[in-house]
Amino acid sequence: AIIALDLRRNAIGDIGAQHFADALRINNTLTSLGLQANRIQDKGALSLVDTLATNKVITTIFSLIS
């Protein structure tokens, strides 16, 4: 199982962040997440924040800001 995922500098943007947030809703193994420098704006960040507020598995998040 994947426990750490570093997606820095992949330009996933808001749409990618929203899709990733959807996937994180069913996450039960990923504990560390890096999303720096991905062109994620307010809409994508809000999707991630909403999901991460209820996800109790992820313990380490690297900044969304580059």
N, C-alpha and C. Protein backbone atom coordinates (compact mmCIF):
# COMPACT_ATOMS: atom_id res chain seq x y z
N ALA A 1 0.84 -1.18 0.00
CA ALA A 1 0.00 0.00 0.00
C ALA A 1 0.88 1.24 0.00
N ILE A 2 0.43 2.26 -0.65
CA ILE A 2 1.16 3.53 -0.69
C ILE A 2 0.85 4.29 0.60
N ILE A 3 1.91 4.72 1.31
CA ILE A 3 1.70 5.49 2.53
C ILE A 3 2.16 6.94 2.39
N ALA A 4 3.00 7.23 1.38
CA ALA A 4 3.47 8.60 1.14
C ALA A 4 3.36 8.90 -0.34
N LEU A 5 2.88 10.10 -0.65
CA LEU A 5 2.72 10.49 -2.05
C LEU A 5 3.20 11.92 -2.21
N ASP A 6 4.18 12.13 -3.06
CA ASP A 6 4.73 13.46 -3.33
C ASP A 6 4.38 13.83 -4.76
N LEU A 7 3.46 14.76 -4.90
CA LEU A 7 3.02 15.21 -6.23
C LEU A 7 3.48 16.63 -6.53
N ARG A 8 4.59 17.04 -5.95
CA ARG A 8 5.08 18.40 -6.20
C ARG A 8 5.32 18.66 -7.68
N ARG A 9 4.99 19.90 -8.07
CA ARG A 9 5.27 20.41 -9.42
C ARG A 9 4.66 19.57 -10.53
N ASN A 10 3.39 19.22 -10.38
CA ASN A 10 2.69 18.46 -11.41
C ASN A 10 1.57 19.23 -12.09
N ALA A 11 1.38 20.49 -11.69
CA ALA A 11 0.38 21.37 -12.31
C ALA A 11 -1.01 20.72 -12.38
N ILE A 12 -1.44 20.11 -11.27
CA ILE A 12 -2.75 19.45 -11.30
C ILE A 12 -3.91 20.44 -11.27
N GLY A 13 -3.69 21.65 -10.77
CA GLY A 13 -4.70 22.69 -10.78
C GLY A 13 -5.92 22.35 -9.93
N ASP A 14 -6.94 23.20 -10.04
CA ASP A 14 -8.15 23.03 -9.24
C ASP A 14 -8.92 21.76 -9.58
N ILE A 15 -9.04 21.46 -10.85
CA ILE A 15 -9.80 20.26 -11.25
C ILE A 15 -9.11 19.00 -10.75
N GLY A 16 -7.81 18.94 -10.90
CA GLY A 16 -7.06 17.80 -10.39
C GLY A 16 -7.14 17.69 -8.88
N ALA A 17 -7.10 18.83 -8.20
CA ALA A 17 -7.22 18.83 -6.74
C ALA A 17 -8.59 18.33 -6.30
N GLN A 18 -9.62 18.70 -7.04
CA GLN A 18 -10.98 18.23 -6.71
C GLN A 18 -11.08 16.72 -6.90
N HIS A 19 -10.52 16.20 -7.96
CA HIS A 19 -10.53 14.75 -8.19
C HIS A 19 -9.70 14.03 -7.11
N PHE A 20 -8.58 14.61 -6.77
CA PHE A 20 -7.74 14.01 -5.74
C PHE A 20 -8.46 14.02 -4.39
N ALA A 21 -9.16 15.11 -4.10
CA ALA A 21 -9.94 15.19 -2.85
C ALA A 21 -10.99 14.08 -2.82
N ASP A 22 -11.64 13.83 -3.94
CA ASP A 22 -12.63 12.75 -4.01
C ASP A 22 -11.99 11.40 -3.69
N ALA A 23 -10.79 11.18 -4.23
CA ALA A 23 -10.09 9.91 -3.98
C ALA A 23 -9.68 9.79 -2.50
N LEU A 24 -9.31 10.90 -1.90
CA LEU A 24 -8.89 10.87 -0.50
C LEU A 24 -10.03 10.54 0.45
N ARG A 25 -11.26 10.72 0.00
CA ARG A 25 -12.41 10.41 0.87
C ARG A 25 -12.46 8.93 1.23
N ILE A 26 -11.91 8.08 0.36
CA ILE A 26 -11.92 6.64 0.64
C ILE A 26 -10.53 6.12 1.04
N ASN A 27 -9.59 7.04 1.23
CA ASN A 27 -8.23 6.68 1.61
C ASN A 27 -8.19 6.03 2.99
N ASN A 28 -7.47 4.92 3.08
CA ASN A 28 -7.26 4.31 4.40
C ASN A 28 -5.80 3.89 4.62
N THR A 29 -4.90 4.33 3.73
CA THR A 29 -3.49 3.97 3.89
C THR A 29 -2.53 5.17 3.75
N LEU A 30 -2.84 6.14 2.93
CA LEU A 30 -1.94 7.26 2.67
C LEU A 30 -1.83 8.13 3.93
N THR A 31 -0.60 8.31 4.43
CA THR A 31 -0.40 9.11 5.64
C THR A 31 0.33 10.42 5.39
N SER A 32 1.04 10.53 4.27
CA SER A 32 1.83 11.72 3.97
C SER A 32 1.55 12.18 2.55
N LEU A 33 1.31 13.48 2.40
CA LEU A 33 0.91 14.03 1.12
C LEU A 33 1.65 15.33 0.82
N GLY A 34 2.24 15.44 -0.36
CA GLY A 34 2.92 16.66 -0.79
C GLY A 34 2.30 17.19 -2.07
N LEU A 35 1.83 18.44 -2.03
CA LEU A 35 1.17 19.03 -3.20
C LEU A 35 1.71 20.41 -3.56
N GLN A 36 2.92 20.73 -3.18
CA GLN A 36 3.46 22.05 -3.46
C GLN A 36 3.56 22.32 -4.97
N ALA A 37 3.41 23.59 -5.33
CA ALA A 37 3.63 24.06 -6.70
C ALA A 37 2.78 23.32 -7.73
N ASN A 38 1.48 23.24 -7.50
CA ASN A 38 0.58 22.53 -8.41
C ASN A 38 -0.51 23.42 -9.02
N ARG A 39 -0.33 24.73 -8.89
CA ARG A 39 -1.31 25.68 -9.45
C ARG A 39 -2.71 25.46 -8.88
N ILE A 40 -2.77 25.08 -7.62
CA ILE A 40 -4.06 24.89 -6.95
C ILE A 40 -4.50 26.24 -6.38
N GLN A 41 -5.65 26.68 -6.80
CA GLN A 41 -6.21 27.95 -6.34
C GLN A 41 -7.26 27.69 -5.25
N ASP A 42 -8.06 28.70 -4.96
CA ASP A 42 -9.03 28.62 -3.86
C ASP A 42 -9.99 27.43 -3.99
N LYS A 43 -10.55 27.24 -5.17
CA LYS A 43 -11.56 26.19 -5.34
C LYS A 43 -10.97 24.80 -5.06
N GLY A 44 -9.81 24.53 -5.60
CA GLY A 44 -9.17 23.24 -5.38
C GLY A 44 -8.71 23.07 -3.95
N ALA A 45 -8.20 24.15 -3.36
CA ALA A 45 -7.75 24.09 -1.97
C ALA A 45 -8.93 23.83 -1.04
N LEU A 46 -10.07 24.45 -1.30
CA LEU A 46 -11.25 24.22 -0.46
C LEU A 46 -11.72 22.77 -0.55
N SER A 47 -11.65 22.18 -1.73
CA SER A 47 -12.03 20.77 -1.88
C SER A 47 -11.13 19.89 -1.03
N LEU A 48 -9.83 20.17 -1.06
CA LEU A 48 -8.88 19.39 -0.28
C LEU A 48 -9.09 19.59 1.22
N VAL A 49 -9.31 20.83 1.63
CA VAL A 49 -9.52 21.13 3.05
C VAL A 49 -10.77 20.42 3.57
N ASP A 50 -11.84 20.45 2.80
CA ASP A 50 -13.07 19.77 3.21
C ASP A 50 -12.83 18.28 3.43
N THR A 51 -12.12 17.67 2.51
CA THR A 51 -11.84 16.24 2.62
C THR A 51 -10.89 15.94 3.77
N LEU A 52 -9.83 16.74 3.89
CA LEU A 52 -8.82 16.47 4.91
C LEU A 52 -9.34 16.75 6.32
N ALA A 53 -10.39 17.54 6.42
CA ALA A 53 -10.97 17.80 7.74
C ALA A 53 -11.57 16.54 8.34
N THR A 54 -11.98 15.61 7.49
CA THR A 54 -12.59 14.38 7.98
C THR A 54 -11.70 13.15 7.79
N ASN A 55 -10.62 13.29 7.04
CA ASN A 55 -9.70 12.18 6.82
C ASN A 55 -8.76 12.08 8.02
N LYS A 56 -8.88 11.01 8.77
CA LYS A 56 -8.06 10.84 9.98
C LYS A 56 -6.80 10.03 9.74
N VAL A 57 -6.57 9.59 8.50
CA VAL A 57 -5.41 8.77 8.20
C VAL A 57 -4.19 9.63 7.84
N ILE A 58 -4.41 10.69 7.09
CA ILE A 58 -3.29 11.56 6.69
C ILE A 58 -2.81 12.37 7.89
N THR A 59 -1.53 12.22 8.20
CA THR A 59 -0.96 12.90 9.36
C THR A 59 0.04 13.99 8.97
N THR A 60 0.55 13.95 7.73
CA THR A 60 1.53 14.93 7.27
C THR A 60 1.09 15.48 5.92
N ILE A 61 1.00 16.82 5.85
CA ILE A 61 0.64 17.48 4.60
C ILE A 61 1.68 18.56 4.34
N PHE A 62 2.29 18.51 3.17
CA PHE A 62 3.24 19.53 2.79
C PHE A 62 2.46 20.66 2.11
N SER A 63 2.84 21.85 2.35
CA SER A 63 2.13 23.06 1.91
C SER A 63 1.66 23.01 0.47
N LEU A 64 0.49 23.64 0.23
CA LEU A 64 -0.01 23.81 -1.14
C LEU A 64 0.69 24.98 -1.81
N ILE A 65 1.39 25.78 -1.06
CA ILE A 65 2.05 26.98 -1.59
C ILE A 65 3.50 26.67 -1.89
N SER A 66 3.95 27.09 -3.06
CA SER A 66 5.34 26.82 -3.42
C SER A 66 6.28 27.75 -2.74
